[in-house]
Amino acid sequence: MNEYSLKYGTNPNQTPARIFMRDDSPLPLEILNGRPGYINFLDALNSWQLVRELKASLNLPAAASFKHVSPAGAALGLPLTDEERQIFFVDANLDINSSPLACSYARARGTDRLSSFGDWIALSDECDEVTAMFIKREVSDGIIAPSYTPKALEILKSKRKGNYAVVRIDPDYEPESTETRDIFGITFEQGRNTAPVIDPAKFDAPVTVSQDIPPSARRDLILALITLKYTQSNSVCVTKDGQTLGVGAGQQSRLHCVKLACDKADLRLLRGHPKILALEFRDDLGRPERDNAISNMLTGDFLSADEKRDFISQNTGASLGSDAFFPFPDSIERAGHSGVKFVAQPGGSIRDELVIKACDDLGMAMVMTGRRLFHH
């Protein structure tokens, strides 16, 4: 297939719309079910690049939950604890730990379940039955993966009254080294951003007094940086235990990026508070309604300010990545309140020394990657 006609573009008035290859070669993807739209394909192709790079860099299955061309969450295929199963709404009869891929999506979706409502899913590996069963219960627009088992495809095709969008992409496809796009009738061209997000040797040379960055933190910093590579800038990402805790995307101020990412990380951690885990919901209340209720409780006064602060303070060891330098130390100070202990950023600010001092004052280890990761 050389092209797919789309119902419309970004908005219903933007017609005609299609995806195609400029050189008339076959598209490297196939629609197996449903009718994905323009925004769906923007999410699909950005999210596929993210999970493909995570898998190549960390050698673990990866998943992403995308909304409006930025990840609501991304994660690696690490086993879930019983508490995480409860937080992520994993059905008791689903053996999710038998599928690392399913674990990766449960974690990615669990980053920000409110924002992931109606998401686009990307999987690094073949979608199996367990992963499809978990996806079946969630409100989602569609999925992209390199392949699907027959049973998984059958399950996914049953979603949304048979209209769930399922896309298969050729895992061996590599685009040209340059990319172009038109804005207001003017064509832009640039080299694709194929550079690695960090030289691993940087982990052995932190710029802070604290020099210890354990393997788990290195993994989490790489996860944060790769996530940022496909997030609308400015952006900051907080990670821990192989999953994003909060993504702050598309902010004009670096501090607002950090506040947004850390506020989301705080809410994600608070979903594990004993009072939240003890909540009992009516059987007829759906997952989205439960997510909304929990969100309202966490942003309201169901937990006191002291309860929130005390619980968050117990969850230290998070990692934070930034797609550009910190112009002031205020971002570091805000990150410290959310348990961040490891930081990766490009560096290059005239106030780098003040930022380093802020990290030293808070006992953080920071590496400077020398690699800006803007994405627009």
Protein backbone atom coordinates (compact mmCIF):
# COMPACT_ATOMS: atom_id res chain seq x y z
CA MET A 1 0.00 0.00 0.00
CA ASN A 2 1.48 3.34 -1.07
CA GLU A 3 -0.96 5.61 0.78
CA TYR A 4 -3.92 5.69 3.17
CA SER A 5 -6.71 8.22 2.86
CA LEU A 6 -7.76 9.69 6.20
CA LYS A 7 -11.19 10.90 7.26
CA TYR A 8 -9.75 14.37 7.90
CA GLY A 9 -6.62 16.09 9.17
CA THR A 10 -5.99 17.67 12.56
CA ASN A 11 -9.55 19.06 12.57
CA PRO A 12 -12.71 17.95 10.71
CA ASN A 13 -12.55 20.94 8.35
CA GLN A 14 -9.06 19.97 7.15
CA THR A 15 -9.74 17.79 4.12
CA PRO A 16 -8.54 15.98 2.13
CA ALA A 17 -6.00 14.15 4.28
CA ARG A 18 -3.72 11.19 3.69
CA ILE A 19 -0.41 9.60 4.61
CA PHE A 20 1.95 8.52 1.83
CA MET A 21 5.60 8.08 0.86
CA ARG A 22 7.12 10.94 -1.17
CA ASP A 23 9.10 8.47 -3.31
CA ASP A 24 5.99 6.35 -4.03
CA SER A 25 7.48 3.37 -2.19
CA PRO A 26 5.15 1.20 -0.07
CA LEU A 27 4.28 2.49 3.38
CA PRO A 28 6.21 0.64 6.14
CA LEU A 29 2.99 0.07 8.07
CA GLU A 30 -0.33 -1.69 7.69
CA ILE A 31 -3.74 -0.95 9.17
CA LEU A 32 -5.04 -4.26 10.52
CA ASN A 33 -8.26 -2.88 11.98
CA GLY A 34 -10.20 0.34 12.36
CA ARG A 35 -9.50 3.66 10.69
CA PRO A 36 -6.74 5.66 12.39
CA GLY A 37 -6.84 9.41 11.94
CA TYR A 38 -4.23 12.09 11.30
CA ILE A 39 -3.47 12.72 14.99
CA ASN A 40 -3.50 8.95 15.61
CA PHE A 41 -0.67 8.51 13.11
CA LEU A 42 1.31 11.41 14.60
CA ASP A 43 1.06 9.68 17.97
CA ALA A 44 1.76 6.27 16.46
CA LEU A 45 4.96 7.24 14.69
CA ASN A 46 6.36 9.30 17.57
CA SER A 47 5.53 6.64 20.15
CA TRP A 48 6.95 3.83 18.01
CA GLN A 49 10.29 5.63 17.79
CA LEU A 50 10.31 6.03 21.58
CA VAL A 51 9.69 2.38 22.43
CA ARG A 52 12.02 1.17 19.68
CA GLU A 53 14.85 3.29 21.09
CA LEU A 54 14.12 2.20 24.67
CA LYS A 55 14.28 -1.46 23.66
CA ALA A 56 17.51 -0.96 21.72
CA SER A 57 19.15 1.00 24.54
CA LEU A 58 18.03 -0.99 27.59
CA ASN A 59 17.25 -4.44 26.11
CA LEU A 60 13.87 -4.64 27.82
CA PRO A 61 10.35 -4.62 26.35
CA ALA A 62 8.95 -1.09 26.39
CA ALA A 63 5.59 0.60 26.06
CA ALA A 64 4.33 4.15 25.75
CA SER A 65 0.97 5.82 26.29
CA PHE A 66 0.68 8.85 23.98
CA LYS A 67 -1.72 11.79 23.90
CA HIS A 68 -1.48 14.74 21.52
CA VAL A 69 2.03 13.93 20.29
CA SER A 70 3.63 13.59 23.74
CA PRO A 71 3.90 10.64 26.11
CA ALA A 72 1.59 10.56 29.11
CA GLY A 73 3.82 7.73 30.25
CA ALA A 74 6.53 5.29 29.16
CA ALA A 75 7.96 2.26 30.91
CA LEU A 76 10.03 -0.91 30.75
CA GLY A 77 8.90 -4.50 31.21
CA LEU A 78 9.68 -5.06 34.89
CA PRO A 79 7.47 -7.25 37.12
CA LEU A 80 4.67 -5.62 39.12
CA THR A 81 4.31 -5.84 42.88
CA ASP A 82 0.90 -6.61 44.38
CA GLU A 83 0.58 -2.93 45.32
CA GLU A 84 1.38 -1.83 41.77
CA ARG A 85 -1.20 -4.24 40.41
CA GLN A 86 -3.78 -2.51 42.58
CA ILE A 87 -2.60 1.00 41.64
CA PHE A 88 -2.68 0.17 37.91
CA PHE A 89 -6.10 -1.55 38.04
CA VAL A 90 -4.78 -4.95 36.93
CA ASP A 91 -7.56 -7.55 37.14
CA ALA A 92 -6.94 -10.16 39.84
CA ASN A 93 -7.32 -13.03 37.34
CA LEU A 94 -4.80 -11.63 34.84
CA ASP A 95 -1.33 -13.16 35.15
CA ILE A 96 0.33 -9.95 34.05
CA ASN A 97 3.81 -10.84 35.30
CA SER A 98 3.90 -13.67 32.78
CA SER A 99 4.29 -10.98 30.11
CA PRO A 100 7.02 -8.34 30.54
CA LEU A 101 5.39 -6.44 27.66
CA ALA A 102 2.07 -6.27 29.51
CA CYS A 103 3.91 -5.03 32.60
CA SER A 104 5.52 -2.28 30.55
CA TYR A 105 2.15 -0.99 29.33
CA ALA A 106 0.52 -1.25 32.76
CA ARG A 107 3.38 0.89 34.10
CA ALA A 108 3.23 3.38 31.21
CA ARG A 109 -0.54 3.76 31.55
CA GLY A 110 -0.15 4.01 35.32
CA THR A 111 2.07 7.10 35.13
CA ASP A 112 -0.89 9.42 34.60
CA ARG A 113 -4.07 7.46 34.16
CA LEU A 114 -6.15 10.63 33.91
CA SER A 115 -4.15 11.86 30.90
CA SER A 116 -3.95 8.38 29.34
CA PHE A 117 -7.73 8.24 28.87
CA GLY A 118 -8.19 7.64 25.13
CA ASP A 119 -4.47 7.17 24.50
CA TRP A 120 -2.49 5.76 21.61
CA ILE A 121 -0.38 2.75 22.63
CA ALA A 122 3.04 1.77 21.32
CA LEU A 123 4.71 -1.58 22.04
CA SER A 124 8.30 -2.48 21.26
CA ASP A 125 7.59 -6.20 20.81
CA GLU A 126 4.91 -8.50 19.47
CA CYS A 127 1.62 -7.92 21.27
CA ASP A 128 0.68 -11.05 23.18
CA GLU A 129 -2.63 -12.21 24.64
CA VAL A 130 -1.92 -10.98 28.19
CA THR A 131 -1.06 -7.49 26.95
CA ALA A 132 -4.16 -7.42 24.77
CA MET A 133 -6.33 -8.51 27.70
CA PHE A 134 -5.05 -5.63 29.83
CA ILE A 135 -5.56 -3.17 26.96
CA LYS A 136 -9.07 -4.48 26.38
CA ARG A 137 -10.24 -3.02 29.71
CA GLU A 138 -8.77 0.44 29.09
CA VAL A 139 -10.24 3.34 27.09
CA SER A 140 -7.82 3.74 24.18
CA ASP A 141 -7.89 4.93 20.56
CA GLY A 142 -5.42 2.52 19.03
CA ILE A 143 -2.12 0.69 19.05
CA ILE A 144 1.07 0.28 17.02
CA ALA A 145 3.38 -2.73 17.33
CA PRO A 146 5.71 -4.75 15.09
CA SER A 147 3.35 -7.76 15.20
CA TYR A 148 0.44 -9.39 17.02
CA THR A 149 -0.30 -12.97 17.98
CA PRO A 150 -3.54 -14.24 16.41
CA LYS A 151 -5.30 -14.28 19.80
CA ALA A 152 -4.09 -10.79 20.71
CA LEU A 153 -5.33 -9.44 17.38
CA GLU A 154 -8.70 -11.08 17.91
CA ILE A 155 -9.03 -9.44 21.35
CA LEU A 156 -8.01 -6.01 20.09
CA LYS A 157 -10.36 -6.17 17.12
CA SER A 158 -13.25 -6.61 19.57
CA LYS A 159 -12.65 -3.20 21.18
CA ARG A 160 -14.79 -0.15 20.39
CA LYS A 161 -17.46 -2.28 18.72
CA GLY A 162 -14.90 -3.60 16.26
CA ASN A 163 -13.48 -0.18 15.33
CA TYR A 164 -10.34 -0.16 17.47
CA ALA A 165 -7.36 1.03 15.41
CA VAL A 166 -4.61 -1.58 15.10
CA VAL A 167 -1.45 -0.76 13.16
CA ARG A 168 1.46 -3.05 12.36
CA ILE A 169 4.81 -1.39 11.56
CA ASP A 170 7.80 -2.95 9.87
CA PRO A 171 10.39 -3.15 12.69
CA ASP A 172 13.22 -3.04 10.14
CA TYR A 173 12.06 0.20 8.50
CA GLU A 174 14.58 3.06 8.63
CA PRO A 175 13.66 6.48 7.22
CA GLU A 176 15.98 8.72 5.24
CA SER A 177 18.67 10.62 7.13
CA THR A 178 16.95 13.94 6.41
CA GLU A 179 13.35 14.86 7.17
CA THR A 180 11.11 17.57 5.76
CA ARG A 181 7.78 19.18 6.60
CA ASP A 182 5.75 22.08 5.30
CA ILE A 183 4.60 24.97 7.46
CA PHE A 184 2.56 27.78 5.91
CA GLY A 185 3.61 26.63 2.46
CA ILE A 186 7.32 26.71 3.30
CA THR A 187 9.35 23.49 3.40
CA PHE A 188 11.72 22.85 6.29
CA GLU A 189 14.51 20.29 6.10
CA GLN A 190 16.83 18.94 8.79
CA GLY A 191 18.84 15.87 9.67
CA ARG A 192 16.95 13.31 11.75
CA ASN A 193 17.85 13.27 15.43
CA THR A 194 19.61 9.90 15.53
CA ALA A 195 22.22 10.82 18.15
CA PRO A 196 22.22 8.79 21.40
CA VAL A 197 20.76 10.72 24.34
CA ILE A 198 23.86 10.22 26.49
CA ASP A 199 27.37 8.86 26.32
CA PRO A 200 27.41 6.11 29.01
CA ALA A 201 30.82 7.37 30.15
CA LYS A 202 29.07 10.49 31.47
CA PHE A 203 27.63 8.39 34.30
CA ASP A 204 31.15 7.84 35.58
CA ALA A 205 31.87 11.58 35.71
CA PRO A 206 29.12 13.41 37.61
CA VAL A 207 29.71 17.14 38.07
CA THR A 208 28.48 17.03 41.68
CA VAL A 209 30.05 16.05 44.99
CA SER A 210 27.87 12.95 45.00
CA GLN A 211 29.40 10.56 42.49
CA ASP A 212 27.31 7.44 43.04
CA ILE A 213 24.81 6.69 40.27
CA PRO A 214 23.79 3.02 40.66
CA PRO A 215 22.74 0.89 37.68
CA SER A 216 19.03 1.32 38.46
CA ALA A 217 19.39 5.12 38.39
CA ARG A 218 21.39 4.98 35.15
CA ARG A 219 18.58 2.94 33.60
CA ASP A 220 15.98 5.40 34.88
CA LEU A 221 17.92 8.42 33.59
CA ILE A 222 18.21 6.82 30.14
CA LEU A 223 14.46 6.14 30.25
CA ALA A 224 13.84 9.80 31.13
CA LEU A 225 16.11 11.14 28.38
CA ILE A 226 14.71 8.90 25.63
CA THR A 227 11.19 9.83 26.70
CA LEU A 228 12.13 13.52 26.43
CA LYS A 229 13.53 12.96 22.94
CA TYR A 230 9.95 12.35 21.77
CA THR A 231 8.15 14.85 24.03
CA GLN A 232 7.07 18.32 22.92
CA SER A 233 9.54 20.84 24.36
CA ASN A 234 10.24 22.37 26.78
CA SER A 235 10.06 19.14 28.75
CA VAL A 236 11.19 17.40 31.94
CA CYS A 237 10.64 13.78 32.97
CA VAL A 238 10.74 12.11 36.41
CA THR A 239 11.36 8.35 36.51
CA LYS A 240 11.79 5.57 39.05
CA ASP A 241 11.83 1.77 38.96
CA GLY A 242 11.80 1.59 35.17
CA GLN A 243 8.80 3.83 34.58
CA THR A 244 7.95 7.47 34.20
CA LEU A 245 6.33 9.06 37.25
CA GLY A 246 5.61 12.40 35.65
CA VAL A 247 6.13 14.10 32.29
CA GLY A 248 6.06 17.89 32.04
CA ALA A 249 5.64 18.68 28.33
CA GLY A 250 5.32 21.77 26.18
CA GLN A 251 5.98 24.45 28.78
CA GLN A 252 7.56 27.80 27.99
CA SER A 253 9.40 27.91 31.33
CA ARG A 254 11.88 25.31 32.57
CA LEU A 255 10.58 25.76 36.12
CA HIS A 256 7.01 25.09 34.97
CA CYS A 257 8.24 21.91 33.25
CA VAL A 258 9.74 20.75 36.53
CA LYS A 259 6.69 21.72 38.57
CA LEU A 260 4.35 19.91 36.20
CA ALA A 261 6.48 16.75 36.05
CA CYS A 262 7.03 16.69 39.82
CA ASP A 263 3.40 17.46 40.63
CA LYS A 264 2.38 14.52 38.43
CA ALA A 265 5.04 12.35 40.07
CA ASP A 266 3.67 13.27 43.50
CA LEU A 267 0.14 12.31 42.46
CA ARG A 268 1.38 9.01 41.03
CA LEU A 269 3.18 8.19 44.29
CA LEU A 270 0.16 9.20 46.38
CA ARG A 271 -1.97 6.63 44.56
CA GLY A 272 -0.04 4.14 46.69
CA HIS A 273 -1.01 5.81 49.97
CA PRO A 274 -2.68 3.30 52.34
CA LYS A 275 -5.85 5.42 52.51
CA ILE A 276 -6.15 5.39 48.71
CA LEU A 277 -5.42 1.67 48.44
CA ALA A 278 -8.10 1.01 51.06
CA LEU A 279 -10.83 2.72 49.02
CA GLU A 280 -13.72 0.51 47.96
CA PHE A 281 -15.64 1.35 44.79
CA ARG A 282 -19.03 0.16 43.59
CA ASP A 283 -18.79 -2.70 41.11
CA ASP A 284 -20.67 -0.67 38.48
CA LEU A 285 -18.16 2.19 38.60
CA GLY A 286 -15.84 2.05 35.59
CA ARG A 287 -12.10 2.59 35.56
CA PRO A 288 -12.27 6.17 34.23
CA GLU A 289 -14.73 7.11 36.98
CA ARG A 290 -12.47 5.55 39.60
CA ASP A 291 -9.47 7.43 38.20
CA ASN A 292 -11.40 10.69 38.34
CA ALA A 293 -12.50 10.02 41.90
CA ILE A 294 -8.96 9.23 43.04
CA SER A 295 -7.63 12.33 41.29
CA ASN A 296 -10.21 14.53 42.99
CA MET A 297 -9.33 13.03 46.36
CA LEU A 298 -5.60 13.52 45.87
CA THR A 299 -5.97 17.12 44.71
CA GLY A 300 -8.54 17.84 47.42
CA ASP A 301 -8.39 17.44 51.19
CA PHE A 302 -8.99 13.68 51.47
CA LEU A 303 -5.36 13.52 52.57
CA SER A 304 -4.01 16.35 54.70
CA ALA A 305 -1.00 18.38 53.59
CA ASP A 306 1.07 16.68 56.29
CA GLU A 307 -0.04 13.21 55.17
CA LYS A 308 0.89 13.98 51.57
CA ARG A 309 4.25 15.47 52.49
CA ASP A 310 5.15 12.64 54.87
CA PHE A 311 4.26 9.93 52.34
CA ILE A 312 6.10 11.59 49.44
CA SER A 313 9.18 12.09 51.64
CA GLN A 314 9.42 8.30 52.06
CA ASN A 315 9.77 7.83 48.29
CA THR A 316 13.30 8.97 47.54
CA GLY A 317 15.65 7.88 44.78
CA ALA A 318 13.80 9.23 41.75
CA SER A 319 15.62 10.37 38.61
CA LEU A 320 14.97 13.50 36.58
CA GLY A 321 15.93 14.32 33.02
CA SER A 322 15.69 17.69 31.28
CA ASP A 323 15.72 18.31 27.52
CA ALA A 324 17.72 21.56 27.99
CA PHE A 325 19.80 23.25 30.67
CA PHE A 326 18.47 24.62 33.94
CA PRO A 327 18.80 28.42 33.88
CA PHE A 328 18.34 28.73 37.66
CA PRO A 329 18.68 26.45 40.72
CA ASP A 330 14.95 26.80 41.54
CA SER A 331 14.16 23.75 39.38
CA ILE A 332 16.55 21.60 41.41
CA GLU A 333 15.02 22.81 44.66
CA ARG A 334 11.50 21.87 43.45
CA ALA A 335 12.73 18.45 42.30
CA GLY A 336 14.16 17.77 45.74
CA HIS A 337 10.68 17.97 47.27
CA SER A 338 9.63 15.01 45.10
CA GLY A 339 12.47 12.71 46.13
CA VAL A 340 14.71 13.29 43.12
CA LYS A 341 18.29 12.15 43.80
CA PHE A 342 19.69 11.76 40.28
CA VAL A 343 19.65 14.36 37.49
CA ALA A 344 20.70 14.41 33.84
CA GLN A 345 20.70 17.62 31.82
CA PRO A 346 22.71 19.05 28.90
CA GLY A 347 24.42 21.84 30.83
CA GLY A 348 25.62 25.03 29.19
CA SER A 349 23.91 27.68 31.31
CA ILE A 350 25.89 30.67 32.58
CA ARG A 351 24.56 29.62 36.00
CA ASP A 352 25.66 25.97 35.83
CA GLU A 353 27.75 26.40 38.97
CA LEU A 354 24.69 27.60 40.93
CA VAL A 355 22.70 24.59 39.69
CA ILE A 356 25.54 22.23 40.68
CA LYS A 357 25.67 23.82 44.14
CA ALA A 358 21.92 23.32 44.56
CA CYS A 359 22.40 19.62 43.75
CA ASP A 360 25.27 19.41 46.24
CA ASP A 361 23.18 21.07 48.96
CA LEU A 362 20.45 18.46 48.43
CA GLY A 363 22.79 15.47 48.06
CA MET A 364 21.90 14.87 44.40
CA ALA A 365 24.19 13.36 41.77
CA MET A 366 24.03 15.14 38.41
CA VAL A 367 25.52 14.41 35.01
CA MET A 368 25.75 16.87 32.14
CA THR A 369 25.06 15.10 28.86
CA GLY A 370 26.06 17.89 26.48
CA ARG A 371 23.08 16.80 24.35
CA ARG A 372 20.00 19.01 23.94
CA LEU A 373 16.82 17.04 23.21
CA PHE A 374 14.31 19.57 21.86
CA HIS A 375 11.43 18.05 19.93
CA HIS A 376 8.93 20.10 17.92
